[in-house]
């Protein structure tokens, strides 16, 4: 499953410190699998099998995670600006993915059409009067 390209990934790098000419296929595959598995909670991801069919925001999440891991791996023994940047990229990617899954950010496909959320993934609960959503006891 080749979803990322060096151009997508290098958009997140500092060219003076990390300029990737090839991608680690195993790392890319792991990240892609994890991101797609999480996104499948809210979307039909069955067609997200290549760079051409995966939505740009999802590719951005994957690229951010990829670069973050690469920076962390390069500086595994040091805590410096690069390691911090790598960790920050991963955190930002996770937040972006969570916002996409929750519907706070609209996901568009490669043709700029809104990707509908899966109806099977939506949770709805309408409490009835005899079954309140929560109860609270107050003691003074």
C-alpha atoms as a PDB file:
ATOM      1  CA  UNK A   1       0.000   0.000   0.000  1.00  0.00           C
ATOM      2  CA  UNK A   2       1.927   3.034  -1.251  1.00  0.00           C
ATOM      3  CA  UNK A   3       0.029   6.122  -0.227  1.00  0.00           C
ATOM      4  CA  UNK A   4       2.810   8.562   0.618  1.00  0.00           C
ATOM      5  CA  UNK A   5       5.296  10.119  -1.766  1.00  0.00           C
ATOM      6  CA  UNK A   6       8.608  11.761  -0.956  1.00  0.00           C
ATOM      7  CA  UNK A   7       7.111  15.123  -1.973  1.00  0.00           C
ATOM      8  CA  UNK A   8       4.241  14.755   0.525  1.00  0.00           C
ATOM      9  CA  UNK A   9       6.606  13.733   3.283  1.00  0.00           C
ATOM     10  CA  UNK A  10       9.305  16.324   2.547  1.00  0.00           C
ATOM     11  CA  UNK A  11       6.706  19.076   2.837  1.00  0.00           C
ATOM     12  CA  UNK A  12       6.969  18.510   6.617  1.00  0.00           C
ATOM     13  CA  UNK A  13      10.757  18.331   6.884  1.00  0.00           C
ATOM     14  CA  UNK A  14      13.468  20.897   7.462  1.00  0.00           C
ATOM     15  CA  UNK A  15      15.464  20.355   4.271  1.00  0.00           C
ATOM     16  CA  UNK A  16      18.728  21.222   6.053  1.00  0.00           C
ATOM     17  CA  UNK A  17      18.224  18.465   8.617  1.00  0.00           C
ATOM     18  CA  UNK A  18      16.215  15.803   6.839  1.00  0.00           C
ATOM     19  CA  UNK A  19      15.605  15.496   3.119  1.00  0.00           C
ATOM     20  CA  UNK A  20      14.164  12.124   2.218  1.00  0.00           C
ATOM     21  CA  UNK A  21      14.885  10.689  -1.209  1.00  0.00           C
ATOM     22  CA  UNK A  22      13.189   7.337  -0.513  1.00  0.00           C
ATOM     23  CA  UNK A  23      10.600   6.157   1.951  1.00  0.00           C
ATOM     24  CA  UNK A  24      10.796   3.313   4.436  1.00  0.00           C
ATOM     25  CA  UNK A  25       8.033   1.077   3.058  1.00  0.00           C
ATOM     26  CA  UNK A  26       7.545  -0.786   6.337  1.00  0.00           C
ATOM     27  CA  UNK A  27       7.126   2.413   8.362  1.00  0.00           C
ATOM     28  CA  UNK A  28       4.806   3.929   5.761  1.00  0.00           C
ATOM     29  CA  UNK A  29       2.702   0.767   5.684  1.00  0.00           C
ATOM     30  CA  UNK A  30       2.396   0.714   9.487  1.00  0.00           C
ATOM     31  CA  UNK A  31       1.382   4.371   9.684  1.00  0.00           C
ATOM     32  CA  UNK A  32      -1.063   4.053   6.775  1.00  0.00           C
ATOM     33  CA  UNK A  33      -2.669   0.973   8.332  1.00  0.00           C
ATOM     34  CA  UNK A  34      -3.092   2.679  11.695  1.00  0.00           C
ATOM     35  CA  UNK A  35      -4.502   5.916  10.274  1.00  0.00           C
ATOM     36  CA  UNK A  36      -6.915   4.110   7.957  1.00  0.00           C
ATOM     37  CA  UNK A  37      -8.045   1.813  10.768  1.00  0.00           C
ATOM     38  CA  UNK A  38      -8.850   4.823  12.949  1.00  0.00           C
ATOM     39  CA  UNK A  39     -10.559   6.672  10.099  1.00  0.00           C
ATOM     40  CA  UNK A  40     -12.690   3.611   9.354  1.00  0.00           C
ATOM     41  CA  UNK A  41     -14.618   4.391  12.550  1.00  0.00           C
ATOM     42  CA  UNK A  42     -16.266   7.244  10.660  1.00  0.00           C
ATOM     43  CA  UNK A  43     -15.675   6.689   6.929  1.00  0.00           C
ATOM     44  CA  UNK A  44     -15.764   3.990   4.291  1.00  0.00           C
ATOM     45  CA  UNK A  45     -12.013   3.621   3.783  1.00  0.00           C
ATOM     46  CA  UNK A  46     -12.158   0.659   1.407  1.00  0.00           C
ATOM     47  CA  UNK A  47     -10.981   2.733  -1.565  1.00  0.00           C
ATOM     48  CA  UNK A  48      -8.073   4.387   0.284  1.00  0.00           C
ATOM     49  CA  UNK A  49      -5.469   2.059  -1.176  1.00  0.00           C
ATOM     50  CA  UNK A  50      -3.136   4.385  -3.060  1.00  0.00           C
ATOM     51  CA  UNK A  51      -1.860   7.923  -3.276  1.00  0.00           C
ATOM     52  CA  UNK A  52      -4.444   8.659  -5.975  1.00  0.00           C
ATOM     53  CA  UNK A  53      -7.480   7.464  -3.985  1.00  0.00           C
ATOM     54  CA  UNK A  54      -6.690   8.622  -0.449  1.00  0.00           C
ATOM     55  CA  UNK A  55      -8.034  12.029   0.645  1.00  0.00           C
ATOM     56  CA  UNK A  56      -5.392  14.753   0.945  1.00  0.00           C
ATOM     57  CA  UNK A  57      -6.044  15.440   4.641  1.00  0.00           C
ATOM     58  CA  UNK A  58      -5.542  11.757   5.435  1.00  0.00           C
ATOM     59  CA  UNK A  59      -2.288  11.773   3.448  1.00  0.00           C
ATOM     60  CA  UNK A  60      -1.214  14.858   5.410  1.00  0.00           C
ATOM     61  CA  UNK A  61      -1.879  13.060   8.697  1.00  0.00           C
ATOM     62  CA  UNK A  62       0.183  10.104   7.498  1.00  0.00           C
ATOM     63  CA  UNK A  63       3.030  12.315   6.259  1.00  0.00           C
ATOM     64  CA  UNK A  64       3.153  14.247   9.534  1.00  0.00           C
ATOM     65  CA  UNK A  65       3.329  11.000  11.501  1.00  0.00           C
ATOM     66  CA  UNK A  66       5.966   9.591   9.165  1.00  0.00           C
ATOM     67  CA  UNK A  67       8.252  12.618   9.500  1.00  0.00           C
ATOM     68  CA  UNK A  68       7.652  12.765  13.243  1.00  0.00           C
ATOM     69  CA  UNK A  69       8.783   9.153  13.607  1.00  0.00           C
ATOM     70  CA  UNK A  70      11.801   9.739  11.371  1.00  0.00           C
ATOM     71  CA  UNK A  71      12.899  12.728  13.477  1.00  0.00           C
ATOM     72  CA  UNK A  72      12.377  10.754  16.677  1.00  0.00           C
ATOM     73  CA  UNK A  73      14.377   7.804  15.317  1.00  0.00           C
ATOM     74  CA  UNK A  74      17.279  10.013  14.206  1.00  0.00           C
ATOM     75  CA  UNK A  75      17.586  11.632  17.612  1.00  0.00           C
ATOM     76  CA  UNK A  76      16.559   8.786  19.882  1.00  0.00           C
ATOM     77  CA  UNK A  77      19.180   9.591  22.529  1.00  0.00           C
ATOM     78  CA  UNK A  78      18.860  13.366  22.400  1.00  0.00           C
ATOM     79  CA  UNK A  79      16.118  15.677  23.478  1.00  0.00           C
ATOM     80  CA  UNK A  80      16.494  18.679  21.235  1.00  0.00           C
ATOM     81  CA  UNK A  81      14.498  20.897  18.904  1.00  0.00           C
ATOM     82  CA  UNK A  82      14.324  18.200  16.228  1.00  0.00           C
ATOM     83  CA  UNK A  83      13.000  15.569  18.625  1.00  0.00           C
ATOM     84  CA  UNK A  84      10.492  18.096  19.953  1.00  0.00           C
ATOM     85  CA  UNK A  85       9.407  18.968  16.408  1.00  0.00           C
ATOM     86  CA  UNK A  86       8.938  15.271  15.610  1.00  0.00           C
ATOM     87  CA  UNK A  87       6.810  14.754  18.715  1.00  0.00           C
ATOM     88  CA  UNK A  88       4.813  17.903  17.981  1.00  0.00           C
ATOM     89  CA  UNK A  89       4.126  16.725  14.413  1.00  0.00           C
ATOM     90  CA  UNK A  90       2.780  13.432  15.716  1.00  0.00           C
ATOM     91  CA  UNK A  91       0.573  15.183  18.288  1.00  0.00           C
ATOM     92  CA  UNK A  92      -0.762  17.591  15.659  1.00  0.00           C
ATOM     93  CA  UNK A  93      -1.433  14.695  13.266  1.00  0.00           C
ATOM     94  CA  UNK A  94      -3.332  12.781  15.952  1.00  0.00           C
ATOM     95  CA  UNK A  95      -5.405  15.879  16.802  1.00  0.00           C
ATOM     96  CA  UNK A  96      -6.159  16.464  13.121  1.00  0.00           C
ATOM     97  CA  UNK A  97      -7.217  12.833  12.662  1.00  0.00           C
ATOM     98  CA  UNK A  98      -9.445  12.978  15.742  1.00  0.00           C
ATOM     99  CA  UNK A  99     -11.107  16.152  14.425  1.00  0.00           C
ATOM    100  CA  UNK A 100     -11.682  14.514  11.045  1.00  0.00           C
ATOM    101  CA  UNK A 101     -13.183  11.403  12.655  1.00  0.00           C
ATOM    102  CA  UNK A 102     -15.424  13.451  14.948  1.00  0.00           C
ATOM    103  CA  UNK A 103     -16.699  15.512  12.016  1.00  0.00           C
ATOM    104  CA  UNK A 104     -15.253  18.828  13.205  1.00  0.00           C
ATOM    105  CA  UNK A 105     -13.196  18.984  10.018  1.00  0.00           C
ATOM    106  CA  UNK A 106     -14.843  18.179   6.699  1.00  0.00           C
ATOM    107  CA  UNK A 107     -13.010  15.526   4.733  1.00  0.00           C
ATOM    108  CA  UNK A 108     -12.887  15.889   0.945  1.00  0.00           C
ATOM    109  CA  UNK A 109     -11.796  13.255  -1.539  1.00  0.00           C
ATOM    110  CA  UNK A 110      -9.328  13.655  -4.382  1.00  0.00           C
ATOM    111  CA  UNK A 111     -12.001  15.329  -6.545  1.00  0.00           C
ATOM    112  CA  UNK A 112     -12.743  17.895  -3.803  1.00  0.00           C
ATOM    113  CA  UNK A 113     -16.092  16.254  -2.991  1.00  0.00           C
ATOM    114  CA  UNK A 114     -17.103  15.952   0.661  1.00  0.00           C
ATOM    115  CA  UNK A 115     -16.612  12.396   1.932  1.00  0.00           C
ATOM    116  CA  UNK A 116     -19.778  11.369   3.786  1.00  0.00           C
ATOM    117  CA  UNK A 117     -19.456   9.913   7.246  1.00  0.00           C
ATOM    118  CA  UNK A 118     -20.577   6.298   7.573  1.00  0.00           C
ATOM    119  CA  UNK A 119     -24.033   6.051   9.069  1.00  0.00           C
ATOM    120  CA  UNK A 120     -23.074   2.860  10.857  1.00  0.00           C
ATOM    121  CA  UNK A 121     -20.400   4.702  12.840  1.00  0.00           C
ATOM    122  CA  UNK A 122     -22.629   7.435  14.233  1.00  0.00           C
ATOM    123  CA  UNK A 123     -23.770   7.050  17.793  1.00  0.00           C
ATOM    124  CA  UNK A 124     -27.073   8.547  18.734  1.00  0.00           C
ATOM    125  CA  UNK A 125     -28.864   8.310  22.028  1.00  0.00           C
ATOM    126  CA  UNK A 126     -32.114   9.968  22.900  1.00  0.00           C
ATOM    127  CA  UNK A 127     -32.801   9.657  26.616  1.00  0.00           C
ATOM    128  CA  UNK A 128     -36.379   9.308  27.700  1.00  0.00           C
ATOM    129  CA  UNK A 129     -37.817  10.752  30.879  1.00  0.00           C
ATOM    130  CA  UNK A 130     -37.732   7.436  32.728  1.00  0.00           C
ATOM    131  CA  UNK A 131     -34.160   6.822  31.567  1.00  0.00           C
ATOM    132  CA  UNK A 132     -32.166  10.030  32.045  1.00  0.00           C
ATOM    133  CA  UNK A 133     -28.764  10.432  30.402  1.00  0.00           C
ATOM    134  CA  UNK A 134     -27.237  11.098  33.820  1.00  0.00           C
ATOM    135  CA  UNK A 135     -28.185  11.819  37.373  1.00  0.00           C
ATOM    136  CA  UNK A 136     -26.522  13.968  39.973  1.00  0.00           C
ATOM    137  CA  UNK A 137     -26.790  14.009  43.714  1.00  0.00           C
ATOM    138  CA  UNK A 138     -25.976  17.207  45.571  1.00  0.00           C
ATOM    139  CA  UNK A 139     -25.216  17.287  49.266  1.00  0.00           C
ATOM    140  CA  UNK A 140     -25.013  20.603  51.134  1.00  0.00           C
END
